[in-house]
């Protein structure tokens, strides 16, 4: 009875803005997944909003359960969770389900999404062990912990999920006070690699050269054909409007046609008329559906809800007295921000298409559960992280 009262007292100390913004985004997600799928003839697509709602409810229960538990007691199991996700990632190429040309799901679960949380927990566990980090050994540990799941994810292939781990890792290194020279070194190397790849693709499209030479340069990027097509569509938007650039073009039309107040709920024309394909309308390009129906006002509301989620999460990290809790919160907030920024940017044509979902709004059960579990851990830090570990 005493333990139950303690749990209730802890839940009463929840970070209300963090919880409210998460709940609001989940409700918006259910609404617009329904909007994107309601007119489809396939019954499996029509009921996606129900599955999204069921997943959100299950995630809410897990969220509250984690919030009631002291997060410090969970770190001793972190390495088991990390190894479990690695095993699932190893199994995917052999036993995973192939959907749209990629093997990313096994037993109905997308292990790459779980790997994001496992990576954040492992880094928080290691970084929180000391107050100062500057040794090369910690950089090697970071490369190992992040590199193993990243390589397995790239095999699927899933470049977008692999790339989102980079800013998350940098943010955690910064929060853990890793020597700045390492952070800037990795950042500059990443910018150089991205610039080189983009430069090669641009050169092969604008400079006259033999076809054999062009193929050699494209092969040197080590990217898959569909990834090359997406980058070409980004650099040359008008080149292939009915091929690799089709979804991006239709998404821009949907966002731009929404105007200030939108066309009204369930009145979006781009997806209702089939211009925005049903395979992407409810997940990767859900923001286009939202922007067309609710306009600038609705889009701004969603952005403010994300801001209301991120700022309290960083405030929890700022007030936390435990290094591991602080780094954990920064990692979770960096992951959510990266997903939000990249998804919206690719929807409006400011970034190449990567296939990253919009947190809480895009349809995707594994990803939704993962981010809600991650926020449950942030709530646990909010409840328990302000208290000193030893009380007299």
Foldseek 3Di string as FASTA:
>chain_A
DVLVVLLVVLLVLFPVLQVVLLVVLLVQQLQLQCLLQCLDPDVVSNCLSVVSVVLLVVLVVLLSVLLSDQLVVCLVCLVVLLVVLLVVLVCQVPAADADPRFRQHDPNARSLLSNLLSLLSVLLSVLLPDQEAEDVVNVVVNCVSLVSSLVSCCVSPANLSNVLSVQLSLLLCVLSHYPVVVSVVVVVVVVVLVVQLLVLLVCLVPPDDDPVVNVVSNVVNVDDPLVSLLSCCLVPVVPCCPPSNVLLVLLQVLLVQQAAAAPARSPRDCSSVCSNPSVCCQWLSVVSSQCRHGNPVSNVVSVVSLVSNLVVLQVLLVLFPGSSLNSLSSSLSSSLVSLQVVSVCSSNSNDGRRRRGNASNHRDSNNNSSSSSSVSNSSNSSSPRNDDPDDD
